[in-house]
Structure formats: C-alpha cells, structure tokens
C-alpha cells in the first residue's frame, strides 16, 4: 500500500479493523440526529474514507444514539469535507482511553442452522443453508413491521436493502445488521 493509500484508508487499513490494542489513533464524530450521521457516513464513504458507525460511549451521550469513528490523523481533511457537504458534527472527540471508546453495535449468535445479527436494537435472523431471512425484530419505530413484511421469506440477495425502504433509526440499524450478516455469509 502506498503512502497516499495508507493516509486515505487511515491507520486501521483494510476491513475496518483497529490496530491491535490501541484506540489512540481514532476519533469519534458526534451528531445531532440519525439523519446527520447517515448523511455524514455517506459523504465520507463516497470520498473513500474508512469510517465506522458505532454507539456512543456512555460518557458522551449527546445528540443521537450513533457516532462515527474515524482515523484521527485525518481529522482536518474529514472536517473540511463534512463542512463543505453541510454535514458538520456537533463535536469531534479523540478516543483517549477505554471510557471514551465507542460501543460496538453488533452481536452475532450462531444457532446451528440459523444465524442472527443484532445491530443496536434491531435483529435479523437467516437460515444459513439458504440465506433466507426468517425473522426481523426489535426497535420501536413505525417502519419495523413494514421492513419485516418486505424482507422475511426472501433470500439476502432478493430482499430489498433496509436503507432503501426504511426511514428511521430502526431502519438504519437494520441496514447495519443486514450488511454485517451479508459480510459474515460471504466470509463463510
């Protein structure tokens, strides 16, 4: 990887995995609303940045229930990009210790023939042999029953993306769970 690629992808490098044992190279962006997080994430990913949406650490609970973790060395360029896109965060906080570390949104449970991924408050469960979605649950947003109706009974490849048909925090969390379960299935 060349130096410019290294900078563009951040210290973490491929696959969004943090360097072993350290978070000192990371920062978190705090936003007012879920819509602001989604807009900023789309902007940063479209520009090629390696960022990850996570839950805020308990010590920094302001704005919405999501933060964006990013390579701290890229702070100035990322802030300029977000300012230019009118997607500025409320605050940028360096992750200086374990109490400021963002919370991983994912929990995976393997039930033998089924696999369930939980992201924040939303869960998606598939039958592993066919990759058919067998259940969607969680959340309290009004679009959850609609998301379940549109996705359950379809394969991961056939089902619409939650981001395409959902418009709430629950729909966004389900999108994250959907991405994670697709990633895990492709890695198998």
N, C-alpha and C. Protein backbone atom coordinates (compact mmCIF):
# COMPACT_ATOMS: atom_id res chain seq x y z
N UNK A 1 0.85 -1.17 0.00
CA UNK A 1 0.00 0.00 0.00
C UNK A 1 0.90 1.23 0.00
N UNK A 2 0.68 2.18 -0.94
CA UNK A 2 1.45 3.40 -0.97
C UNK A 2 1.07 4.33 0.17
N UNK A 3 1.90 5.35 0.38
CA UNK A 3 1.68 6.27 1.49
C UNK A 3 0.34 6.99 1.37
N UNK A 4 -0.02 7.45 0.16
CA UNK A 4 -1.30 8.14 0.00
C UNK A 4 -2.48 7.20 0.26
N UNK A 5 -2.36 5.95 -0.17
CA UNK A 5 -3.41 4.97 0.13
C UNK A 5 -3.50 4.73 1.62
N UNK A 6 -2.34 4.68 2.26
CA UNK A 6 -2.31 4.49 3.72
C UNK A 6 -3.06 5.63 4.40
N UNK A 7 -2.78 6.87 3.97
CA UNK A 7 -3.47 8.01 4.58
C UNK A 7 -4.95 8.00 4.26
N UNK A 8 -5.30 7.71 3.03
CA UNK A 8 -6.71 7.72 2.63
C UNK A 8 -7.49 6.66 3.38
N UNK A 9 -6.91 5.48 3.59
CA UNK A 9 -7.61 4.39 4.29
C UNK A 9 -7.47 4.49 5.79
N UNK A 10 -6.65 5.37 6.26
CA UNK A 10 -6.48 5.55 7.70
C UNK A 10 -5.53 4.53 8.27
N UNK A 11 -5.21 4.70 9.52
CA UNK A 11 -4.27 3.83 10.20
C UNK A 11 -4.80 2.42 10.29
N UNK A 12 -6.10 2.27 10.39
CA UNK A 12 -6.68 0.94 10.52
C UNK A 12 -6.39 0.07 9.33
N UNK A 13 -6.49 0.63 8.15
CA UNK A 13 -6.31 -0.19 6.96
C UNK A 13 -7.51 -1.04 6.68
N UNK A 14 -7.34 -2.10 5.91
CA UNK A 14 -8.41 -2.92 5.37
C UNK A 14 -9.40 -3.45 6.37
N UNK A 15 -10.66 -3.46 5.96
CA UNK A 15 -11.72 -4.12 6.68
C UNK A 15 -12.17 -3.44 7.95
N UNK A 16 -11.70 -2.23 8.23
CA UNK A 16 -12.17 -1.52 9.40
C UNK A 16 -11.71 -2.12 10.72
N UNK A 17 -10.62 -2.85 10.74
CA UNK A 17 -10.14 -3.44 11.98
C UNK A 17 -9.13 -2.50 12.63
N UNK A 18 -9.32 -2.25 13.91
CA UNK A 18 -8.43 -1.36 14.64
C UNK A 18 -7.07 -2.03 14.83
N UNK A 19 -6.08 -1.21 14.95
CA UNK A 19 -4.76 -1.73 15.29
C UNK A 19 -4.85 -2.42 16.63
N UNK A 20 -4.17 -3.54 16.76
CA UNK A 20 -4.23 -4.36 17.97
C UNK A 20 -3.89 -3.54 19.20
N UNK A 21 -4.83 -3.52 20.19
CA UNK A 21 -4.55 -2.95 21.49
C UNK A 21 -4.59 -1.43 21.60
N UNK A 22 -4.90 -0.68 20.52
CA UNK A 22 -4.90 0.76 20.63
C UNK A 22 -6.12 1.38 19.97
N UNK A 23 -6.62 2.43 20.60
CA UNK A 23 -7.67 3.25 20.01
C UNK A 23 -7.21 4.69 19.92
N UNK A 24 -5.95 4.96 20.33
CA UNK A 24 -5.44 6.32 20.40
C UNK A 24 -5.39 6.98 19.02
N UNK A 25 -5.44 6.21 17.97
CA UNK A 25 -5.39 6.75 16.62
C UNK A 25 -6.79 7.04 16.08
N UNK A 26 -7.81 6.92 16.91
CA UNK A 26 -9.18 7.07 16.45
C UNK A 26 -9.84 8.28 17.11
N UNK A 27 -10.84 8.81 16.43
CA UNK A 27 -11.67 9.87 16.99
C UNK A 27 -13.12 9.51 16.71
N UNK A 28 -14.03 10.20 17.38
CA UNK A 28 -15.44 9.99 17.11
C UNK A 28 -16.10 11.33 16.80
N UNK A 29 -17.04 11.28 15.88
CA UNK A 29 -17.82 12.45 15.49
C UNK A 29 -19.21 12.29 16.09
N UNK A 30 -19.68 13.32 16.79
CA UNK A 30 -20.97 13.29 17.45
C UNK A 30 -21.92 14.20 16.67
N UNK A 31 -23.12 13.70 16.39
CA UNK A 31 -24.09 14.42 15.58
C UNK A 31 -25.39 14.65 16.33
N UNK A 32 -26.16 15.59 15.84
CA UNK A 32 -27.45 15.94 16.43
C UNK A 32 -28.49 14.85 16.20
N UNK A 33 -28.52 14.28 14.99
CA UNK A 33 -29.60 13.34 14.65
C UNK A 33 -29.06 12.17 13.82
N UNK A 34 -29.87 11.13 13.75
CA UNK A 34 -29.54 9.96 12.93
C UNK A 34 -29.39 10.36 11.47
N UNK A 35 -30.25 11.26 10.99
CA UNK A 35 -30.15 11.72 9.60
C UNK A 35 -28.80 12.36 9.33
N UNK A 36 -28.29 13.13 10.31
CA UNK A 36 -26.97 13.75 10.15
C UNK A 36 -25.87 12.70 10.08
N UNK A 37 -25.98 11.64 10.89
CA UNK A 37 -25.00 10.56 10.87
C UNK A 37 -25.01 9.88 9.50
N UNK A 38 -26.19 9.57 9.00
CA UNK A 38 -26.32 8.89 7.71
C UNK A 38 -25.74 9.76 6.60
N UNK A 39 -26.07 11.06 6.59
CA UNK A 39 -25.55 11.97 5.57
C UNK A 39 -24.02 12.04 5.63
N UNK A 40 -23.47 12.17 6.85
CA UNK A 40 -22.01 12.25 7.00
C UNK A 40 -21.35 10.93 6.60
N UNK A 41 -21.93 9.80 7.01
CA UNK A 41 -21.36 8.50 6.64
C UNK A 41 -21.33 8.34 5.13
N UNK A 42 -22.43 8.65 4.46
CA UNK A 42 -22.49 8.55 3.00
C UNK A 42 -21.45 9.44 2.35
N UNK A 43 -21.30 10.65 2.85
CA UNK A 43 -20.33 11.60 2.30
C UNK A 43 -18.90 11.07 2.47
N UNK A 44 -18.58 10.59 3.66
CA UNK A 44 -17.23 10.10 3.93
C UNK A 44 -16.91 8.84 3.14
N UNK A 45 -17.85 7.91 3.08
CA UNK A 45 -17.61 6.67 2.34
C UNK A 45 -17.50 6.94 0.85
N UNK A 46 -18.31 7.88 0.33
CA UNK A 46 -18.23 8.23 -1.09
C UNK A 46 -16.86 8.82 -1.43
N UNK A 47 -16.24 9.49 -0.45
CA UNK A 47 -14.91 10.07 -0.65
C UNK A 47 -13.80 9.05 -0.38
N UNK A 48 -14.18 7.81 -0.01
CA UNK A 48 -13.19 6.76 0.17
C UNK A 48 -12.63 6.60 1.57
N UNK A 49 -13.20 7.27 2.56
CA UNK A 49 -12.68 7.17 3.93
C UNK A 49 -13.16 5.90 4.60
N UNK A 50 -12.29 5.33 5.43
CA UNK A 50 -12.62 4.15 6.22
C UNK A 50 -13.18 4.62 7.56
N UNK A 51 -14.52 4.63 7.66
CA UNK A 51 -15.19 5.06 8.89
C UNK A 51 -16.14 3.97 9.33
N UNK A 52 -16.56 4.04 10.59
CA UNK A 52 -17.46 3.02 11.12
C UNK A 52 -18.48 3.70 12.04
N UNK A 53 -19.77 3.38 11.83
CA UNK A 53 -20.82 3.88 12.70
C UNK A 53 -20.91 2.96 13.91
N UNK A 54 -20.96 3.59 15.09
CA UNK A 54 -20.98 2.83 16.34
C UNK A 54 -21.90 3.54 17.33
N UNK A 55 -22.09 2.92 18.48
CA UNK A 55 -22.82 3.56 19.56
C UNK A 55 -21.91 4.49 20.32
N UNK A 56 -22.45 5.57 20.87
CA UNK A 56 -21.59 6.50 21.62
C UNK A 56 -21.17 5.91 22.96
N UNK A 57 -19.99 6.27 23.44
CA UNK A 57 -19.62 5.83 24.78
C UNK A 57 -20.55 6.49 25.80
N UNK A 58 -20.81 5.84 26.92
CA UNK A 58 -21.74 6.40 27.91
C UNK A 58 -21.37 7.81 28.37
N UNK A 59 -20.09 8.14 28.40
CA UNK A 59 -19.65 9.45 28.86
C UNK A 59 -19.96 10.56 27.87
N UNK A 60 -20.29 10.19 26.64
CA UNK A 60 -20.55 11.20 25.61
C UNK A 60 -21.91 10.91 24.96
N UNK A 61 -22.95 11.05 25.71
CA UNK A 61 -24.28 10.81 25.16
C UNK A 61 -24.97 12.15 24.97
N UNK A 62 -24.75 12.74 23.80
CA UNK A 62 -25.48 13.94 23.41
C UNK A 62 -25.82 13.77 21.94
N UNK A 63 -26.82 14.44 21.53
CA UNK A 63 -27.24 14.28 20.15
C UNK A 63 -27.96 12.94 19.99
N UNK A 64 -27.61 12.20 18.95
CA UNK A 64 -28.32 10.95 18.66
C UNK A 64 -27.58 9.75 19.25
N UNK A 65 -28.10 8.56 18.99
CA UNK A 65 -27.56 7.33 19.57
C UNK A 65 -26.47 6.69 18.72
N UNK A 66 -25.91 7.42 17.78
CA UNK A 66 -24.86 6.90 16.92
C UNK A 66 -23.72 7.90 16.81
N UNK A 67 -22.51 7.40 16.62
CA UNK A 67 -21.35 8.24 16.35
C UNK A 67 -20.59 7.61 15.18
N UNK A 68 -19.72 8.38 14.58
CA UNK A 68 -18.86 7.87 13.51
C UNK A 68 -17.44 7.84 14.04
N UNK A 69 -16.83 6.66 13.99
CA UNK A 69 -15.43 6.50 14.37
C UNK A 69 -14.59 6.70 13.10
N UNK A 70 -13.49 7.43 13.23
CA UNK A 70 -12.68 7.76 12.06
C UNK A 70 -11.21 7.80 12.44
N UNK A 71 -10.31 7.74 11.45
CA UNK A 71 -8.87 7.84 11.73
C UNK A 71 -8.53 9.26 12.15
N UNK A 72 -8.07 9.44 13.36
CA UNK A 72 -7.83 10.76 13.94
C UNK A 72 -6.80 11.57 13.15
N UNK A 73 -5.84 10.91 12.56
CA UNK A 73 -4.82 11.60 11.78
C UNK A 73 -5.44 12.36 10.60
N UNK A 74 -6.65 11.96 10.19
CA UNK A 74 -7.33 12.57 9.05
C UNK A 74 -8.34 13.64 9.46
N UNK A 75 -8.30 14.05 10.73
CA UNK A 75 -9.32 14.96 11.28
C UNK A 75 -9.55 16.21 10.44
N UNK A 76 -8.50 16.93 10.09
CA UNK A 76 -8.66 18.19 9.37
C UNK A 76 -9.33 18.01 8.01
N UNK A 77 -8.87 17.01 7.27
CA UNK A 77 -9.44 16.79 5.94
C UNK A 77 -10.89 16.30 6.03
N UNK A 78 -11.18 15.43 7.00
CA UNK A 78 -12.55 14.94 7.18
C UNK A 78 -13.47 16.07 7.61
N UNK A 79 -13.02 16.92 8.53
CA UNK A 79 -13.85 18.04 8.97
C UNK A 79 -14.10 19.02 7.83
N UNK A 80 -13.09 19.28 7.01
CA UNK A 80 -13.28 20.15 5.84
C UNK A 80 -14.32 19.57 4.89
N UNK A 81 -14.21 18.27 4.63
CA UNK A 81 -15.15 17.61 3.73
C UNK A 81 -16.58 17.69 4.29
N UNK A 82 -16.75 17.42 5.57
CA UNK A 82 -18.08 17.47 6.17
C UNK A 82 -18.62 18.90 6.20
N UNK A 83 -17.78 19.87 6.50
CA UNK A 83 -18.21 21.27 6.47
C UNK A 83 -18.69 21.65 5.08
N UNK A 84 -17.91 21.27 4.07
CA UNK A 84 -18.26 21.57 2.68
C UNK A 84 -19.59 20.91 2.27
N UNK A 85 -19.87 19.72 2.82
CA UNK A 85 -21.09 18.98 2.49
C UNK A 85 -22.25 19.36 3.42
N UNK A 86 -22.07 20.37 4.26
CA UNK A 86 -23.09 20.78 5.25
C UNK A 86 -23.51 19.60 6.12
N UNK A 87 -22.53 18.82 6.56
CA UNK A 87 -22.79 17.66 7.41
C UNK A 87 -21.87 17.70 8.63
N UNK A 88 -21.67 18.90 9.15
CA UNK A 88 -20.74 19.07 10.27
C UNK A 88 -21.28 18.43 11.55
N UNK A 89 -20.39 17.79 12.30
CA UNK A 89 -20.81 17.19 13.57
C UNK A 89 -20.97 18.26 14.65
N UNK A 90 -21.65 17.88 15.73
CA UNK A 90 -21.74 18.76 16.91
C UNK A 90 -20.36 18.89 17.55
N UNK A 91 -19.63 17.77 17.54
CA UNK A 91 -18.36 17.72 18.25
C UNK A 91 -17.50 16.60 17.69
N UNK A 92 -16.17 16.79 17.79
CA UNK A 92 -15.21 15.75 17.45
C UNK A 92 -14.44 15.47 18.73
N UNK A 93 -14.34 14.18 19.10
CA UNK A 93 -13.67 13.79 20.34
C UNK A 93 -12.62 12.73 20.03
N UNK A 94 -11.36 12.96 20.42
CA UNK A 94 -10.36 11.89 20.26
C UNK A 94 -10.64 10.79 21.27
N UNK A 95 -10.43 9.56 20.86
CA UNK A 95 -10.60 8.42 21.76
C UNK A 95 -9.29 8.27 22.51
N UNK A 96 -9.28 8.77 23.76
CA UNK A 96 -8.05 8.81 24.53
C UNK A 96 -7.96 7.73 25.60
N UNK A 97 -8.99 6.95 25.76
CA UNK A 97 -8.95 5.90 26.77
C UNK A 97 -10.16 5.01 26.63
N UNK A 98 -10.21 3.93 27.39
CA UNK A 98 -11.29 2.96 27.25
C UNK A 98 -12.67 3.54 27.57
N UNK A 99 -12.74 4.57 28.42
CA UNK A 99 -14.04 5.14 28.74
C UNK A 99 -14.62 5.95 27.59
N UNK A 100 -13.78 6.38 26.67
CA UNK A 100 -14.25 7.14 25.53
C UNK A 100 -14.39 6.29 24.27
N UNK A 101 -14.13 5.01 24.37
CA UNK A 101 -14.22 4.13 23.21
C UNK A 101 -15.68 3.95 22.82
N UNK A 102 -16.00 4.08 21.53
CA UNK A 102 -17.38 3.84 21.09
C UNK A 102 -17.75 2.38 21.30
N UNK A 103 -19.03 2.13 21.38
CA UNK A 103 -19.55 0.80 21.66
C UNK A 103 -19.87 0.09 20.35
N UNK A 104 -19.37 -1.14 20.21
CA UNK A 104 -19.67 -1.92 19.01
C UNK A 104 -21.16 -2.20 18.97
N UNK A 105 -21.77 -1.97 17.82
CA UNK A 105 -23.21 -2.15 17.68
C UNK A 105 -23.61 -3.59 17.43
N UNK A 106 -22.66 -4.47 17.09
CA UNK A 106 -23.01 -5.80 16.62
C UNK A 106 -22.89 -6.88 17.68
N UNK A 107 -23.84 -7.80 17.63
CA UNK A 107 -23.78 -9.03 18.40
C UNK A 107 -24.25 -10.13 17.45
N UNK A 108 -23.47 -11.20 17.34
CA UNK A 108 -23.81 -12.31 16.46
C UNK A 108 -24.02 -13.56 17.29
N UNK A 109 -25.10 -14.28 16.96
CA UNK A 109 -25.38 -15.55 17.63
C UNK A 109 -25.60 -16.60 16.56
N UNK A 110 -24.85 -17.71 16.66
CA UNK A 110 -25.00 -18.83 15.73
C UNK A 110 -25.84 -19.89 16.42
N UNK A 111 -27.03 -20.14 15.86
CA UNK A 111 -27.96 -21.13 16.42
C UNK A 111 -27.88 -22.45 15.67
N UNK A 112 -26.75 -22.78 15.10
CA UNK A 112 -26.63 -24.01 14.32
C UNK A 112 -27.09 -23.78 12.90
N UNK A 113 -28.35 -24.04 12.63
CA UNK A 113 -28.90 -23.86 11.28
C UNK A 113 -29.27 -22.42 10.97
N UNK A 114 -29.24 -21.55 11.98
CA UNK A 114 -29.64 -20.16 11.80
C UNK A 114 -28.56 -19.24 12.34
N UNK A 115 -28.50 -18.06 11.79
CA UNK A 115 -27.55 -17.05 12.22
C UNK A 115 -28.31 -15.76 12.48
N UNK A 116 -28.06 -15.15 13.64
CA UNK A 116 -28.72 -13.91 13.99
C UNK A 116 -27.67 -12.83 14.23
N UNK A 117 -27.90 -11.65 13.66
CA UNK A 117 -27.05 -10.50 13.91
C UNK A 117 -27.92 -9.39 14.48
N UNK A 118 -27.43 -8.82 15.56
CA UNK A 118 -28.11 -7.69 16.19
C UNK A 118 -27.23 -6.47 16.00
N UNK A 119 -27.81 -5.39 15.54
CA UNK A 119 -27.14 -4.10 15.44
C UNK A 119 -28.00 -3.10 16.21
N UNK A 120 -27.42 -2.55 17.25
CA UNK A 120 -28.17 -1.65 18.14
C UNK A 120 -29.39 -2.40 18.64
N UNK A 121 -30.58 -1.95 18.28
CA UNK A 121 -31.80 -2.57 18.78
C UNK A 121 -32.51 -3.45 17.76
N UNK A 122 -31.92 -3.66 16.60
CA UNK A 122 -32.57 -4.43 15.54
C UNK A 122 -31.85 -5.76 15.30
N UNK A 123 -32.65 -6.80 15.02
CA UNK A 123 -32.10 -8.14 14.78
C UNK A 123 -32.60 -8.67 13.44
N UNK A 124 -31.71 -9.37 12.76
CA UNK A 124 -32.07 -10.09 11.54
C UNK A 124 -31.56 -11.52 11.70
N UNK A 125 -32.40 -12.49 11.36
CA UNK A 125 -32.04 -13.89 11.50
C UNK A 125 -32.26 -14.58 10.16
N UNK A 126 -31.28 -15.38 9.76
CA UNK A 126 -31.39 -16.11 8.49
C UNK A 126 -31.21 -17.60 8.74
N UNK A 127 -31.77 -18.39 7.81
CA UNK A 127 -31.45 -19.81 7.75
C UNK A 127 -30.14 -19.90 6.97
N UNK A 128 -29.12 -20.47 7.58
CA UNK A 128 -27.79 -20.46 6.97
C UNK A 128 -27.73 -21.22 5.64
N UNK A 129 -28.42 -22.35 5.54
CA UNK A 129 -28.32 -23.18 4.34
C UNK A 129 -28.82 -22.45 3.09
N UNK A 130 -29.86 -21.63 3.24
CA UNK A 130 -30.46 -20.96 2.08
C UNK A 130 -30.25 -19.45 2.08
N UNK A 131 -29.72 -18.91 3.19
CA UNK A 131 -29.58 -17.48 3.39
C UNK A 131 -30.92 -16.75 3.28
N UNK A 132 -31.98 -17.46 3.67
CA UNK A 132 -33.32 -16.87 3.67
C UNK A 132 -33.55 -16.16 5.00
N UNK A 133 -34.07 -14.96 4.93
CA UNK A 133 -34.38 -14.19 6.13
C UNK A 133 -35.62 -14.82 6.77
N UNK A 134 -35.49 -15.25 8.02
CA UNK A 134 -36.61 -15.90 8.72
C UNK A 134 -37.23 -15.01 9.79
N UNK A 135 -36.51 -13.97 10.21
CA UNK A 135 -37.09 -13.10 11.23
C UNK A 135 -36.37 -11.76 11.25
N UNK A 136 -37.15 -10.72 11.48
CA UNK A 136 -36.65 -9.38 11.74
C UNK A 136 -37.41 -8.89 12.96
N UNK A 137 -36.68 -8.40 13.96
CA UNK A 137 -37.36 -7.94 15.17
C UNK A 137 -36.56 -6.86 15.85
N UNK A 138 -37.20 -6.23 16.83
CA UNK A 138 -36.56 -5.21 17.63
C UNK A 138 -37.07 -3.83 17.32
N UNK A 139 -36.52 -2.88 18.02
CA UNK A 139 -36.86 -1.49 17.78
C UNK A 139 -38.28 -1.14 18.18
N UNK A 140 -38.61 0.09 18.00
CA UNK A 140 -39.95 0.56 18.30
C UNK A 140 -40.41 1.56 17.27
N UNK A 141 -39.73 1.61 16.17
CA UNK A 141 -40.07 2.58 15.13
C UNK A 141 -41.25 2.08 14.30
N UNK A 142 -42.01 2.99 13.72
CA UNK A 142 -43.21 2.59 12.99
C UNK A 142 -42.96 1.80 11.71
N UNK A 143 -41.74 1.85 11.17
CA UNK A 143 -41.50 1.13 9.93
C UNK A 143 -41.01 -0.31 10.12
N UNK A 144 -40.81 -0.77 11.37
CA UNK A 144 -40.31 -2.12 11.61
C UNK A 144 -41.25 -3.20 11.04
N UNK A 145 -42.56 -3.14 11.28
CA UNK A 145 -43.44 -4.17 10.68
C UNK A 145 -43.37 -4.17 9.15
N UNK A 146 -43.28 -2.99 8.56
CA UNK A 146 -43.17 -2.90 7.11
C UNK A 146 -41.86 -3.52 6.62
N UNK A 147 -40.76 -3.20 7.29
CA UNK A 147 -39.46 -3.78 6.92
C UNK A 147 -39.52 -5.31 7.00
N UNK A 148 -40.10 -5.83 8.07
CA UNK A 148 -40.21 -7.29 8.23
C UNK A 148 -41.05 -7.88 7.12
N UNK A 149 -42.18 -7.27 6.81
CA UNK A 149 -43.07 -7.80 5.76
C UNK A 149 -42.36 -7.84 4.40
N UNK A 150 -41.56 -6.83 4.12
CA UNK A 150 -40.89 -6.76 2.83
C UNK A 150 -39.67 -7.67 2.72
N UNK A 151 -39.10 -8.09 3.85
CA UNK A 151 -37.84 -8.83 3.80
C UNK A 151 -37.94 -10.30 4.21
N UNK A 152 -38.77 -10.63 5.19
CA UNK A 152 -38.85 -12.01 5.68
C UNK A 152 -39.38 -12.92 4.57
N UNK A 153 -38.76 -14.10 4.45
CA UNK A 153 -39.13 -15.07 3.43
C UNK A 153 -38.33 -14.92 2.14
N UNK A 154 -37.50 -13.91 2.05
CA UNK A 154 -36.67 -13.69 0.86
C UNK A 154 -35.21 -13.96 1.23
N UNK A 155 -34.44 -14.32 0.22
CA UNK A 155 -33.01 -14.52 0.46
C UNK A 155 -32.34 -13.16 0.66
N UNK A 156 -31.15 -13.18 1.22
CA UNK A 156 -30.41 -11.93 1.39
C UNK A 156 -30.22 -11.22 0.06
N UNK A 157 -30.02 -12.00 -1.01
CA UNK A 157 -29.81 -11.41 -2.33
C UNK A 157 -31.09 -10.82 -2.91
N UNK A 158 -32.24 -11.39 -2.58
CA UNK A 158 -33.53 -10.94 -3.14
C UNK A 158 -34.17 -9.81 -2.34
N UNK A 159 -33.95 -9.78 -1.06
CA UNK A 159 -34.63 -8.82 -0.19
C UNK A 159 -34.16 -7.39 -0.47
N UNK A 160 -35.06 -6.43 -0.37
CA UNK A 160 -34.62 -5.04 -0.52
C UNK A 160 -33.71 -4.64 0.63
N UNK A 161 -32.82 -3.72 0.38
CA UNK A 161 -31.94 -3.21 1.43
C UNK A 161 -32.79 -2.38 2.39
N UNK A 162 -32.60 -2.56 3.69
CA UNK A 162 -33.37 -1.77 4.65
C UNK A 162 -33.23 -0.27 4.44
N UNK A 163 -32.05 0.17 4.04
CA UNK A 163 -31.83 1.60 3.82
C UNK A 163 -32.68 2.13 2.68
N UNK A 164 -33.03 1.27 1.73
CA UNK A 164 -33.84 1.69 0.59
C UNK A 164 -35.31 1.86 0.94
N UNK A 165 -35.79 1.12 1.95
CA UNK A 165 -37.21 1.15 2.26
C UNK A 165 -37.54 1.65 3.68
N UNK A 166 -36.53 1.81 4.53
CA UNK A 166 -36.75 2.28 5.90
C UNK A 166 -36.28 3.72 6.03
N UNK A 167 -36.88 4.43 6.99
CA UNK A 167 -36.55 5.86 7.11
C UNK A 167 -36.35 6.29 8.56
N UNK A 168 -36.08 5.35 9.45
CA UNK A 168 -35.94 5.68 10.87
C UNK A 168 -34.62 5.12 11.40
N UNK A 169 -34.35 5.40 12.67
CA UNK A 169 -33.18 4.83 13.32
C UNK A 169 -33.22 3.31 13.27
N UNK A 170 -34.41 2.72 13.44
CA UNK A 170 -34.53 1.26 13.38
C UNK A 170 -34.19 0.75 11.98
N UNK A 171 -34.64 1.44 10.95
CA UNK A 171 -34.31 1.05 9.58
C UNK A 171 -32.82 1.14 9.32
N UNK A 172 -32.19 2.17 9.86
CA UNK A 172 -30.75 2.32 9.71
C UNK A 172 -30.01 1.22 10.46
N UNK A 173 -30.44 0.92 11.69
CA UNK A 173 -29.80 -0.15 12.46
C UNK A 173 -29.98 -1.49 11.75
N UNK A 174 -31.15 -1.73 11.16
CA UNK A 174 -31.37 -2.96 10.41
C UNK A 174 -30.45 -3.01 9.19
N UNK A 175 -30.21 -1.89 8.55
CA UNK A 175 -29.26 -1.85 7.43
C UNK A 175 -27.88 -2.29 7.89
N UNK A 176 -27.44 -1.81 9.04
CA UNK A 176 -26.14 -2.21 9.57
C UNK A 176 -26.11 -3.71 9.86
N UNK A 177 -27.19 -4.24 10.46
CA UNK A 177 -27.26 -5.69 10.74
C UNK A 177 -27.27 -6.47 9.43
N UNK A 178 -27.98 -5.98 8.44
CA UNK A 178 -28.05 -6.63 7.12
C UNK A 178 -26.65 -6.67 6.48
N UNK A 179 -25.94 -5.55 6.52
CA UNK A 179 -24.58 -5.52 5.97
C UNK A 179 -23.68 -6.51 6.67
N UNK A 180 -23.79 -6.58 8.01
CA UNK A 180 -22.93 -7.48 8.78
C UNK A 180 -23.25 -8.93 8.49
N UNK A 181 -24.52 -9.29 8.40
CA UNK A 181 -24.88 -10.69 8.13
C UNK A 181 -24.46 -11.07 6.71
N UNK A 182 -24.56 -10.14 5.76
CA UNK A 182 -24.09 -10.41 4.40
C UNK A 182 -22.57 -10.60 4.40
N UNK A 183 -21.86 -9.79 5.16
CA UNK A 183 -20.41 -9.92 5.25
C UNK A 183 -20.03 -11.28 5.84
N UNK A 184 -20.73 -11.68 6.87
CA UNK A 184 -20.42 -12.97 7.51
C UNK A 184 -20.74 -14.14 6.58
N UNK A 185 -21.81 -14.03 5.83
CA UNK A 185 -22.16 -15.11 4.88
C UNK A 185 -21.13 -15.20 3.76
N UNK A 186 -20.65 -14.07 3.27
CA UNK A 186 -19.67 -14.10 2.18
C UNK A 186 -18.32 -14.60 2.67
N UNK A 187 -18.04 -14.43 3.97
CA UNK A 187 -16.77 -14.91 4.53
C UNK A 187 -16.79 -16.41 4.80
N UNK A 188 -17.97 -17.01 4.83
CA UNK A 188 -18.08 -18.46 5.13
C UNK A 188 -17.72 -19.31 3.94
